[in-house]
N, C-alpha and C. Protein backbone atom coordinates (compact mmCIF):
# COMPACT_ATOMS: atom_id res chain seq x y z
N MET A 1 -5.14 -6.68 34.59
CA MET A 1 -5.72 -7.04 33.30
C MET A 1 -4.69 -7.82 32.50
N ARG A 2 -5.11 -8.85 31.85
CA ARG A 2 -4.24 -9.65 31.00
C ARG A 2 -4.03 -8.94 29.67
N VAL A 3 -2.77 -8.89 29.25
CA VAL A 3 -2.42 -8.28 27.97
C VAL A 3 -2.43 -9.37 26.91
N PRO A 4 -3.16 -9.17 25.78
CA PRO A 4 -3.19 -10.19 24.74
C PRO A 4 -1.80 -10.48 24.20
N SER A 5 -1.56 -11.71 23.87
CA SER A 5 -0.28 -12.13 23.32
C SER A 5 -0.43 -12.35 21.83
N ASN A 6 0.61 -11.98 21.07
CA ASN A 6 0.58 -12.18 19.64
C ASN A 6 2.00 -12.39 19.13
N PRO A 7 2.55 -13.58 19.32
CA PRO A 7 3.90 -13.82 18.82
C PRO A 7 3.88 -14.04 17.32
N THR A 8 4.30 -13.06 16.56
CA THR A 8 4.33 -13.20 15.11
C THR A 8 5.76 -13.24 14.64
N SER A 9 5.96 -13.75 13.48
CA SER A 9 7.29 -13.82 12.91
C SER A 9 7.65 -12.47 12.28
N ALA A 10 8.89 -12.37 11.86
CA ALA A 10 9.36 -11.12 11.25
C ALA A 10 8.48 -10.75 10.05
N ARG A 11 8.26 -9.48 9.88
CA ARG A 11 7.40 -8.98 8.81
C ARG A 11 8.16 -8.93 7.50
N ARG A 12 7.46 -9.23 6.43
CA ARG A 12 8.02 -9.07 5.10
C ARG A 12 8.01 -7.59 4.75
N PRO A 13 8.91 -7.15 3.84
CA PRO A 13 8.88 -5.74 3.44
C PRO A 13 7.54 -5.34 2.83
N TYR A 14 6.91 -6.22 2.07
CA TYR A 14 5.58 -5.96 1.51
C TYR A 14 4.65 -7.00 2.08
N HIS A 15 3.55 -6.55 2.61
CA HIS A 15 2.53 -7.46 3.13
C HIS A 15 1.18 -6.83 2.83
N GLY A 16 0.37 -7.52 2.10
CA GLY A 16 -0.93 -6.96 1.76
C GLY A 16 -0.82 -5.70 0.92
N GLY A 17 0.27 -5.58 0.14
CA GLY A 17 0.44 -4.40 -0.70
C GLY A 17 0.96 -3.19 0.04
N VAL A 18 1.41 -3.36 1.30
CA VAL A 18 1.93 -2.26 2.10
C VAL A 18 3.40 -2.53 2.41
N ARG A 19 4.23 -1.52 2.19
CA ARG A 19 5.66 -1.61 2.55
C ARG A 19 5.91 -0.62 3.67
N VAL A 20 6.57 -1.08 4.72
CA VAL A 20 6.88 -0.24 5.87
C VAL A 20 8.37 -0.34 6.14
N ARG A 21 8.97 0.79 6.49
CA ARG A 21 10.37 0.79 6.92
C ARG A 21 10.57 1.92 7.92
N LYS A 22 11.70 1.85 8.62
CA LYS A 22 12.05 2.92 9.55
C LYS A 22 12.31 4.20 8.77
N ALA A 23 11.87 5.31 9.33
CA ALA A 23 12.14 6.61 8.73
C ALA A 23 13.55 7.05 9.12
N ARG A 24 14.21 7.70 8.19
CA ARG A 24 15.53 8.27 8.47
C ARG A 24 15.35 9.64 9.11
N PRO A 25 16.32 10.09 9.92
CA PRO A 25 16.19 11.41 10.55
C PRO A 25 15.88 12.53 9.55
N ALA A 26 16.48 12.45 8.37
CA ALA A 26 16.24 13.48 7.35
C ALA A 26 14.80 13.47 6.82
N GLU A 27 14.04 12.41 7.12
CA GLU A 27 12.66 12.31 6.67
C GLU A 27 11.65 12.84 7.69
N ALA A 28 12.15 13.47 8.74
CA ALA A 28 11.25 14.05 9.75
C ALA A 28 10.23 15.00 9.12
N PRO A 29 10.60 15.85 8.15
CA PRO A 29 9.57 16.71 7.53
C PRO A 29 8.45 15.90 6.86
N LEU A 30 8.78 14.76 6.30
CA LEU A 30 7.79 13.90 5.66
C LEU A 30 6.87 13.27 6.72
N VAL A 31 7.45 12.79 7.81
CA VAL A 31 6.67 12.24 8.93
C VAL A 31 5.72 13.32 9.45
N HIS A 32 6.22 14.53 9.60
CA HIS A 32 5.42 15.65 10.08
C HIS A 32 4.28 15.97 9.13
N ARG A 33 4.56 16.03 7.83
CA ARG A 33 3.53 16.38 6.84
C ARG A 33 2.39 15.35 6.84
N ILE A 34 2.75 14.07 6.85
CA ILE A 34 1.73 13.03 6.85
C ILE A 34 0.87 13.13 8.11
N MET A 35 1.52 13.32 9.26
CA MET A 35 0.78 13.44 10.51
C MET A 35 -0.16 14.63 10.47
N GLN A 36 0.32 15.77 10.00
CA GLN A 36 -0.53 16.97 9.96
C GLN A 36 -1.73 16.76 9.05
N GLU A 37 -1.50 16.17 7.89
CA GLU A 37 -2.60 15.95 6.96
C GLU A 37 -3.61 14.93 7.52
N ALA A 38 -3.09 13.85 8.11
CA ALA A 38 -3.98 12.82 8.64
C ALA A 38 -4.76 13.31 9.86
N PHE A 39 -4.12 14.08 10.73
CA PHE A 39 -4.78 14.56 11.94
C PHE A 39 -5.66 15.77 11.65
N GLY A 40 -5.60 16.30 10.44
CA GLY A 40 -6.41 17.46 10.09
C GLY A 40 -7.90 17.22 10.28
N GLU A 41 -8.35 15.99 10.11
CA GLU A 41 -9.78 15.69 10.27
C GLU A 41 -10.25 15.86 11.71
N TYR A 42 -9.33 15.90 12.66
CA TYR A 42 -9.71 16.04 14.07
C TYR A 42 -9.86 17.49 14.50
N LEU A 43 -9.45 18.43 13.64
CA LEU A 43 -9.63 19.84 13.98
C LEU A 43 -11.11 20.13 14.19
N GLY A 44 -11.44 20.72 15.32
CA GLY A 44 -12.83 21.02 15.62
C GLY A 44 -13.62 19.83 16.14
N ARG A 45 -13.03 18.65 16.12
CA ARG A 45 -13.72 17.44 16.58
C ARG A 45 -13.31 17.05 18.00
N LEU A 46 -12.09 17.41 18.37
CA LEU A 46 -11.58 17.04 19.69
C LEU A 46 -11.48 18.26 20.60
N ASP A 47 -11.87 18.07 21.85
CA ASP A 47 -11.73 19.12 22.87
C ASP A 47 -11.09 18.48 24.09
N PRO A 48 -9.85 18.83 24.38
CA PRO A 48 -9.03 19.82 23.72
C PRO A 48 -8.48 19.29 22.39
N PRO A 49 -8.05 20.20 21.54
CA PRO A 49 -7.49 19.79 20.25
C PRO A 49 -6.26 18.88 20.44
N SER A 50 -6.02 18.04 19.48
CA SER A 50 -4.84 17.19 19.51
C SER A 50 -3.58 18.04 19.54
N GLY A 51 -2.62 17.63 20.33
CA GLY A 51 -1.33 18.30 20.36
C GLY A 51 -0.58 18.17 19.04
N ALA A 52 -0.99 17.24 18.20
CA ALA A 52 -0.33 17.05 16.91
C ALA A 52 -0.41 18.31 16.05
N HIS A 53 -1.50 19.06 16.19
CA HIS A 53 -1.70 20.25 15.36
C HIS A 53 -0.67 21.33 15.65
N ALA A 54 -0.16 21.37 16.87
CA ALA A 54 0.81 22.40 17.25
C ALA A 54 2.26 21.96 17.04
N GLU A 55 2.46 20.70 16.69
CA GLU A 55 3.83 20.21 16.54
C GLU A 55 4.50 20.77 15.29
N THR A 56 5.77 21.01 15.43
CA THR A 56 6.59 21.47 14.32
C THR A 56 7.49 20.33 13.85
N THR A 57 8.17 20.55 12.76
CA THR A 57 9.13 19.55 12.29
C THR A 57 10.21 19.34 13.33
N ASP A 58 10.63 20.40 14.02
CA ASP A 58 11.64 20.24 15.08
C ASP A 58 11.13 19.34 16.20
N ASP A 59 9.84 19.42 16.51
CA ASP A 59 9.26 18.53 17.52
C ASP A 59 9.33 17.08 17.06
N VAL A 60 9.09 16.86 15.78
CA VAL A 60 9.15 15.50 15.23
C VAL A 60 10.59 15.00 15.27
N VAL A 61 11.55 15.86 14.93
CA VAL A 61 12.97 15.48 15.00
C VAL A 61 13.30 15.04 16.43
N ALA A 62 12.88 15.82 17.41
CA ALA A 62 13.16 15.50 18.82
C ALA A 62 12.48 14.19 19.22
N ALA A 63 11.24 13.98 18.79
CA ALA A 63 10.53 12.74 19.11
C ALA A 63 11.22 11.53 18.48
N MET A 64 11.67 11.69 17.24
CA MET A 64 12.36 10.59 16.57
C MET A 64 13.67 10.28 17.27
N ALA A 65 14.32 11.27 17.83
CA ALA A 65 15.58 11.04 18.54
C ALA A 65 15.35 10.23 19.82
N ARG A 66 14.15 10.30 20.38
CA ARG A 66 13.82 9.53 21.59
C ARG A 66 13.41 8.09 21.26
N GLY A 67 13.29 7.78 20.00
CA GLY A 67 12.89 6.43 19.58
C GLY A 67 13.06 6.30 18.09
N GLY A 68 12.01 6.63 17.37
CA GLY A 68 12.09 6.56 15.92
C GLY A 68 10.72 6.75 15.30
N ALA A 69 10.66 6.50 14.01
CA ALA A 69 9.41 6.62 13.26
C ALA A 69 9.46 5.62 12.12
N VAL A 70 8.28 5.34 11.58
CA VAL A 70 8.18 4.50 10.40
C VAL A 70 7.39 5.23 9.34
N LEU A 71 7.62 4.84 8.10
CA LEU A 71 6.87 5.33 6.96
C LEU A 71 6.29 4.13 6.23
N ALA A 72 5.13 4.33 5.60
CA ALA A 72 4.47 3.24 4.88
C ALA A 72 4.07 3.69 3.48
N TRP A 73 4.26 2.79 2.53
CA TRP A 73 3.86 3.00 1.14
C TRP A 73 2.81 1.97 0.78
N LEU A 74 1.89 2.36 -0.03
CA LEU A 74 0.84 1.47 -0.50
C LEU A 74 1.13 1.15 -1.96
N GLU A 75 1.21 -0.13 -2.26
CA GLU A 75 1.48 -0.56 -3.63
C GLU A 75 0.44 0.04 -4.57
N GLY A 76 0.89 0.67 -5.63
CA GLY A 76 0.00 1.26 -6.61
C GLY A 76 -0.45 2.68 -6.28
N ALA A 77 0.05 3.24 -5.16
CA ALA A 77 -0.35 4.60 -4.77
C ALA A 77 0.73 5.62 -5.08
N GLY A 78 1.72 5.25 -5.87
CA GLY A 78 2.78 6.18 -6.23
C GLY A 78 4.00 6.05 -5.34
N ASP A 79 4.91 6.99 -5.50
CA ASP A 79 6.20 6.93 -4.80
C ASP A 79 6.17 7.58 -3.42
N ASP A 80 5.11 8.30 -3.10
CA ASP A 80 5.06 9.00 -1.82
C ASP A 80 4.45 8.12 -0.74
N PRO A 81 5.00 8.17 0.47
CA PRO A 81 4.42 7.38 1.56
C PRO A 81 3.02 7.89 1.90
N VAL A 82 2.20 6.97 2.41
CA VAL A 82 0.82 7.29 2.75
C VAL A 82 0.56 7.19 4.25
N GLY A 83 1.57 6.77 5.01
CA GLY A 83 1.40 6.63 6.45
C GLY A 83 2.69 6.86 7.20
N SER A 84 2.54 7.26 8.45
CA SER A 84 3.69 7.41 9.34
C SER A 84 3.24 7.13 10.76
N ALA A 85 4.19 6.77 11.59
CA ALA A 85 3.94 6.56 13.01
C ALA A 85 5.27 6.74 13.73
N ARG A 86 5.16 7.10 15.01
CA ARG A 86 6.37 7.27 15.82
C ARG A 86 6.36 6.27 16.96
N TYR A 87 7.52 6.04 17.54
CA TYR A 87 7.61 5.15 18.69
C TYR A 87 8.73 5.61 19.61
N GLU A 88 8.60 5.21 20.86
CA GLU A 88 9.58 5.56 21.88
C GLU A 88 9.81 4.32 22.74
N LEU A 89 11.07 3.98 22.94
CA LEU A 89 11.41 2.85 23.80
C LEU A 89 11.38 3.34 25.24
N ARG A 90 10.56 2.70 26.06
CA ARG A 90 10.41 3.11 27.45
C ARG A 90 10.92 2.00 28.36
N GLU A 91 11.04 2.36 29.63
CA GLU A 91 11.46 1.37 30.61
C GLU A 91 10.36 0.36 30.84
N ALA A 92 10.67 -0.63 31.66
CA ALA A 92 9.73 -1.67 32.05
C ALA A 92 9.22 -2.46 30.85
N GLY A 93 10.06 -2.61 29.83
CA GLY A 93 9.70 -3.47 28.71
C GLY A 93 8.63 -2.94 27.79
N ILE A 94 8.46 -1.62 27.73
CA ILE A 94 7.38 -1.04 26.94
C ILE A 94 7.92 -0.22 25.78
N LEU A 95 7.28 -0.37 24.63
CA LEU A 95 7.48 0.52 23.49
C LEU A 95 6.17 1.28 23.34
N TYR A 96 6.26 2.60 23.31
CA TYR A 96 5.08 3.44 23.17
C TYR A 96 4.96 3.89 21.72
N ALA A 97 3.84 3.57 21.07
CA ALA A 97 3.58 3.98 19.69
C ALA A 97 2.67 5.19 19.71
N SER A 98 2.96 6.16 18.84
CA SER A 98 2.15 7.38 18.83
C SER A 98 2.07 7.98 17.44
N ARG A 99 1.11 8.91 17.31
CA ARG A 99 0.92 9.66 16.07
C ARG A 99 0.83 8.75 14.86
N VAL A 100 0.11 7.65 15.03
CA VAL A 100 -0.15 6.73 13.92
C VAL A 100 -1.07 7.46 12.95
N ALA A 101 -0.59 7.66 11.73
CA ALA A 101 -1.29 8.53 10.78
C ALA A 101 -1.31 7.90 9.39
N VAL A 102 -2.50 7.84 8.81
CA VAL A 102 -2.66 7.37 7.43
C VAL A 102 -3.43 8.46 6.69
N LEU A 103 -2.94 8.83 5.52
CA LEU A 103 -3.61 9.87 4.74
C LEU A 103 -5.06 9.48 4.50
N PRO A 104 -5.98 10.44 4.61
CA PRO A 104 -7.41 10.12 4.53
C PRO A 104 -7.82 9.29 3.31
N GLY A 105 -7.29 9.57 2.15
CA GLY A 105 -7.68 8.84 0.95
C GLY A 105 -7.13 7.43 0.86
N GLN A 106 -6.29 7.04 1.81
CA GLN A 106 -5.64 5.73 1.74
C GLN A 106 -6.05 4.81 2.90
N ARG A 107 -7.02 5.22 3.68
CA ARG A 107 -7.43 4.44 4.85
C ARG A 107 -8.26 3.23 4.43
N GLY A 108 -8.31 2.26 5.36
CA GLY A 108 -9.09 1.06 5.12
C GLY A 108 -8.40 0.05 4.23
N ARG A 109 -7.10 0.24 4.02
CA ARG A 109 -6.35 -0.66 3.13
C ARG A 109 -5.23 -1.38 3.86
N GLY A 110 -5.26 -1.35 5.19
CA GLY A 110 -4.29 -2.11 5.97
C GLY A 110 -3.00 -1.38 6.31
N VAL A 111 -2.92 -0.10 6.01
CA VAL A 111 -1.68 0.65 6.26
C VAL A 111 -1.39 0.75 7.75
N ALA A 112 -2.36 1.16 8.56
CA ALA A 112 -2.15 1.26 10.01
C ALA A 112 -1.81 -0.10 10.60
N ARG A 113 -2.52 -1.13 10.15
CA ARG A 113 -2.26 -2.49 10.64
C ARG A 113 -0.81 -2.89 10.38
N GLU A 114 -0.33 -2.63 9.18
CA GLU A 114 1.04 -3.03 8.85
C GLU A 114 2.09 -2.16 9.57
N MET A 115 1.81 -0.87 9.76
CA MET A 115 2.74 -0.04 10.53
C MET A 115 2.82 -0.55 11.97
N MET A 116 1.67 -0.91 12.55
CA MET A 116 1.69 -1.40 13.93
C MET A 116 2.40 -2.76 14.01
N ALA A 117 2.21 -3.63 13.02
CA ALA A 117 2.93 -4.91 13.00
C ALA A 117 4.44 -4.67 12.93
N TYR A 118 4.85 -3.69 12.15
CA TYR A 118 6.27 -3.37 12.03
C TYR A 118 6.80 -2.82 13.36
N ILE A 119 6.03 -1.95 13.99
CA ILE A 119 6.43 -1.39 15.29
C ILE A 119 6.49 -2.50 16.34
N GLU A 120 5.57 -3.44 16.29
CA GLU A 120 5.60 -4.57 17.22
C GLU A 120 6.88 -5.38 17.02
N GLN A 121 7.32 -5.53 15.77
CA GLN A 121 8.57 -6.23 15.51
C GLN A 121 9.75 -5.44 16.07
N ILE A 122 9.73 -4.13 15.94
CA ILE A 122 10.78 -3.29 16.53
C ILE A 122 10.80 -3.50 18.04
N ALA A 123 9.63 -3.58 18.66
CA ALA A 123 9.55 -3.81 20.10
C ALA A 123 10.25 -5.12 20.46
N ARG A 124 9.91 -6.19 19.75
CA ARG A 124 10.54 -7.49 20.04
C ARG A 124 12.05 -7.42 19.88
N GLU A 125 12.50 -6.79 18.78
CA GLU A 125 13.94 -6.70 18.52
C GLU A 125 14.64 -5.83 19.57
N SER A 126 13.90 -4.93 20.19
CA SER A 126 14.45 -4.03 21.22
C SER A 126 14.23 -4.58 22.63
N ARG A 127 13.80 -5.84 22.69
CA ARG A 127 13.55 -6.52 23.96
C ARG A 127 12.47 -5.83 24.79
N ARG A 128 11.48 -5.27 24.10
CA ARG A 128 10.29 -4.73 24.76
C ARG A 128 9.19 -5.76 24.57
N HIS A 129 8.49 -6.12 25.62
CA HIS A 129 7.49 -7.17 25.54
C HIS A 129 6.07 -6.65 25.40
N THR A 130 5.89 -5.33 25.51
CA THR A 130 4.55 -4.76 25.42
C THR A 130 4.59 -3.49 24.58
N VAL A 131 3.59 -3.33 23.71
CA VAL A 131 3.41 -2.08 22.97
C VAL A 131 2.22 -1.37 23.59
N GLU A 132 2.39 -0.08 23.82
CA GLU A 132 1.35 0.76 24.43
C GLU A 132 0.94 1.85 23.45
N VAL A 133 -0.36 2.12 23.40
CA VAL A 133 -0.89 3.25 22.63
C VAL A 133 -1.91 3.97 23.49
N GLY A 134 -2.12 5.24 23.17
CA GLY A 134 -3.16 6.03 23.83
C GLY A 134 -4.17 6.47 22.79
N VAL A 135 -5.46 6.37 23.12
CA VAL A 135 -6.52 6.70 22.16
C VAL A 135 -7.60 7.51 22.87
N ARG A 136 -7.99 8.61 22.25
CA ARG A 136 -9.10 9.40 22.79
C ARG A 136 -10.40 8.62 22.64
N LEU A 137 -11.20 8.61 23.69
CA LEU A 137 -12.49 7.92 23.61
C LEU A 137 -13.44 8.64 22.65
N GLN A 138 -13.13 9.90 22.32
CA GLN A 138 -13.92 10.63 21.33
C GLN A 138 -13.71 10.09 19.92
N LEU A 139 -12.78 9.16 19.76
CA LEU A 139 -12.46 8.58 18.46
C LEU A 139 -12.71 7.07 18.49
N PRO A 140 -13.99 6.67 18.56
CA PRO A 140 -14.29 5.23 18.70
C PRO A 140 -13.76 4.39 17.54
N GLU A 141 -13.64 4.98 16.35
CA GLU A 141 -13.12 4.21 15.21
C GLU A 141 -11.65 3.85 15.43
N ASN A 142 -10.89 4.74 16.09
CA ASN A 142 -9.49 4.44 16.38
C ASN A 142 -9.39 3.38 17.48
N LEU A 143 -10.23 3.50 18.48
CA LEU A 143 -10.27 2.51 19.55
C LEU A 143 -10.59 1.13 18.97
N ALA A 144 -11.56 1.06 18.08
CA ALA A 144 -11.95 -0.22 17.46
C ALA A 144 -10.80 -0.80 16.63
N LEU A 145 -10.05 0.05 15.95
CA LEU A 145 -8.90 -0.42 15.16
C LEU A 145 -7.91 -1.15 16.06
N TYR A 146 -7.52 -0.52 17.16
CA TYR A 146 -6.52 -1.14 18.04
C TYR A 146 -7.06 -2.41 18.68
N GLU A 147 -8.33 -2.43 19.02
CA GLU A 147 -8.90 -3.64 19.58
C GLU A 147 -8.89 -4.77 18.55
N ARG A 148 -9.15 -4.46 17.28
CA ARG A 148 -9.07 -5.48 16.21
C ARG A 148 -7.65 -6.00 16.07
N LEU A 149 -6.66 -5.16 16.38
CA LEU A 149 -5.25 -5.54 16.26
C LEU A 149 -4.76 -6.29 17.50
N GLY A 150 -5.65 -6.51 18.46
CA GLY A 150 -5.27 -7.28 19.64
C GLY A 150 -4.89 -6.47 20.85
N TYR A 151 -5.10 -5.18 20.82
CA TYR A 151 -4.80 -4.32 21.97
C TYR A 151 -5.99 -4.34 22.92
N ALA A 152 -5.71 -4.28 24.21
CA ALA A 152 -6.76 -4.28 25.23
C ALA A 152 -6.63 -3.03 26.09
N ILE A 153 -7.77 -2.49 26.48
CA ILE A 153 -7.76 -1.30 27.34
C ILE A 153 -7.21 -1.69 28.71
N GLU A 154 -6.17 -1.01 29.10
CA GLU A 154 -5.56 -1.20 30.41
C GLU A 154 -6.17 -0.24 31.43
N SER A 155 -6.40 1.02 30.98
CA SER A 155 -6.93 2.04 31.89
C SER A 155 -7.54 3.18 31.08
N VAL A 156 -8.39 3.95 31.74
CA VAL A 156 -9.01 5.13 31.14
C VAL A 156 -8.70 6.31 32.05
N HIS A 157 -8.35 7.45 31.44
CA HIS A 157 -7.90 8.62 32.19
C HIS A 157 -8.63 9.87 31.73
N GLU A 158 -8.70 10.86 32.62
CA GLU A 158 -9.16 12.19 32.23
C GLU A 158 -8.04 12.86 31.47
N HIS A 159 -8.39 13.62 30.44
CA HIS A 159 -7.39 14.37 29.69
C HIS A 159 -6.91 15.51 30.59
N PRO A 160 -5.61 15.77 30.66
CA PRO A 160 -5.11 16.82 31.56
C PRO A 160 -5.59 18.23 31.21
N ARG A 161 -5.99 18.46 29.96
CA ARG A 161 -6.45 19.80 29.58
C ARG A 161 -7.96 19.92 29.53
N ASN A 162 -8.69 18.82 29.76
CA ASN A 162 -10.15 18.87 29.79
C ASN A 162 -10.64 17.62 30.52
N PRO A 163 -11.04 17.77 31.79
CA PRO A 163 -11.43 16.59 32.57
C PRO A 163 -12.65 15.85 32.03
N THR A 164 -13.43 16.48 31.14
CA THR A 164 -14.57 15.75 30.57
C THR A 164 -14.15 14.90 29.37
N ALA A 165 -12.97 15.16 28.83
CA ALA A 165 -12.43 14.34 27.73
C ALA A 165 -11.62 13.21 28.36
N ARG A 166 -11.78 12.04 27.81
CA ARG A 166 -11.09 10.88 28.37
C ARG A 166 -10.30 10.17 27.27
N TYR A 167 -9.25 9.49 27.71
CA TYR A 167 -8.47 8.69 26.78
C TYR A 167 -8.15 7.35 27.43
N ALA A 168 -7.95 6.37 26.59
CA ALA A 168 -7.63 5.02 27.05
C ALA A 168 -6.18 4.70 26.75
N THR A 169 -5.56 3.98 27.66
CA THR A 169 -4.26 3.38 27.44
C THR A 169 -4.52 1.93 27.07
N LEU A 170 -4.02 1.52 25.91
CA LEU A 170 -4.18 0.15 25.44
C LEU A 170 -2.83 -0.53 25.37
N LEU A 171 -2.80 -1.82 25.67
CA LEU A 171 -1.56 -2.59 25.67
C LEU A 171 -1.73 -3.85 24.84
N LYS A 172 -0.60 -4.29 24.29
CA LYS A 172 -0.56 -5.57 23.59
C LYS A 172 0.77 -6.25 23.91
N ARG A 173 0.68 -7.47 24.35
CA ARG A 173 1.87 -8.27 24.62
C ARG A 173 2.43 -8.74 23.28
N VAL A 174 3.73 -8.53 23.05
CA VAL A 174 4.35 -8.95 21.79
C VAL A 174 5.53 -9.90 21.99
N GLY A 175 5.79 -10.27 23.22
CA GLY A 175 6.88 -11.19 23.52
C GLY A 175 7.35 -11.01 24.94
N GLY A 176 8.42 -11.69 25.30
CA GLY A 176 9.00 -11.53 26.64
C GLY A 176 8.27 -12.31 27.69
N PRO A 177 8.38 -11.83 28.94
CA PRO A 177 7.81 -12.57 30.07
C PRO A 177 6.32 -12.77 29.92
N ALA A 178 5.81 -13.80 30.56
CA ALA A 178 4.37 -14.12 30.48
C ALA A 178 3.55 -12.98 31.02
N ALA A 179 2.38 -12.76 30.40
CA ALA A 179 1.46 -11.71 30.83
C ALA A 179 0.92 -12.07 32.21
N ARG A 180 0.69 -11.04 33.01
CA ARG A 180 0.12 -11.23 34.35
C ARG A 180 -1.27 -10.67 34.39
N SER A 181 -2.13 -11.33 35.14
CA SER A 181 -3.51 -10.84 35.29
C SER A 181 -3.58 -9.76 36.33
C-alpha cells in the first residue's frame, strides 16, 4: 500500500489558535490527567476496554522516556492545556503516535490536527519518514480524523484481548525515502 506523502514546513508555535510543545518529564501527571479525562468517554463503549484506563502516572513517565509527549493549548481556553499525545521513536524509520487526547469540551477546534502536525515535525527532525497510529474500528470518528489528516489504513488486526474487536494500523509518509507500493 502506498503511504500518503505530506511534506510540510516547520510548524509555528500558534496555528489556528492552537499552541503545541513538547511536554517536560515533570508534566507526566498533566499528560496522564488529560488522557484519562479524554478517554473517559470510551468507558463501557469499547470491548475490551482501552488500556488507557488502567495506566498510572508512572506508566506515562515510562512511556515518555521511550519517546516523548506533547501538550496543546487552545487560544482563549485559559492557561491549562486541552490536549496531549505521546510518541515513540521506532526502528525502520517509524514514529509511533499514541494516546492522542483532547478534552471533550475542546474538540472540533483543530487541537488533534495540530498535535499530529507537531508530532509529524518531530518525526522529520528525528529522521523518521513515517508516522504510525493505531485506531479501534469501534471508533469510526477517530478513524475518519486520521484519514482527513492524510493517514491511510495499512492493515487491520484482531484485538489480542477480544478477537471480535478489530483495530487498524494507519500510516502517513512525512519525509525520507520514496513511498513504495
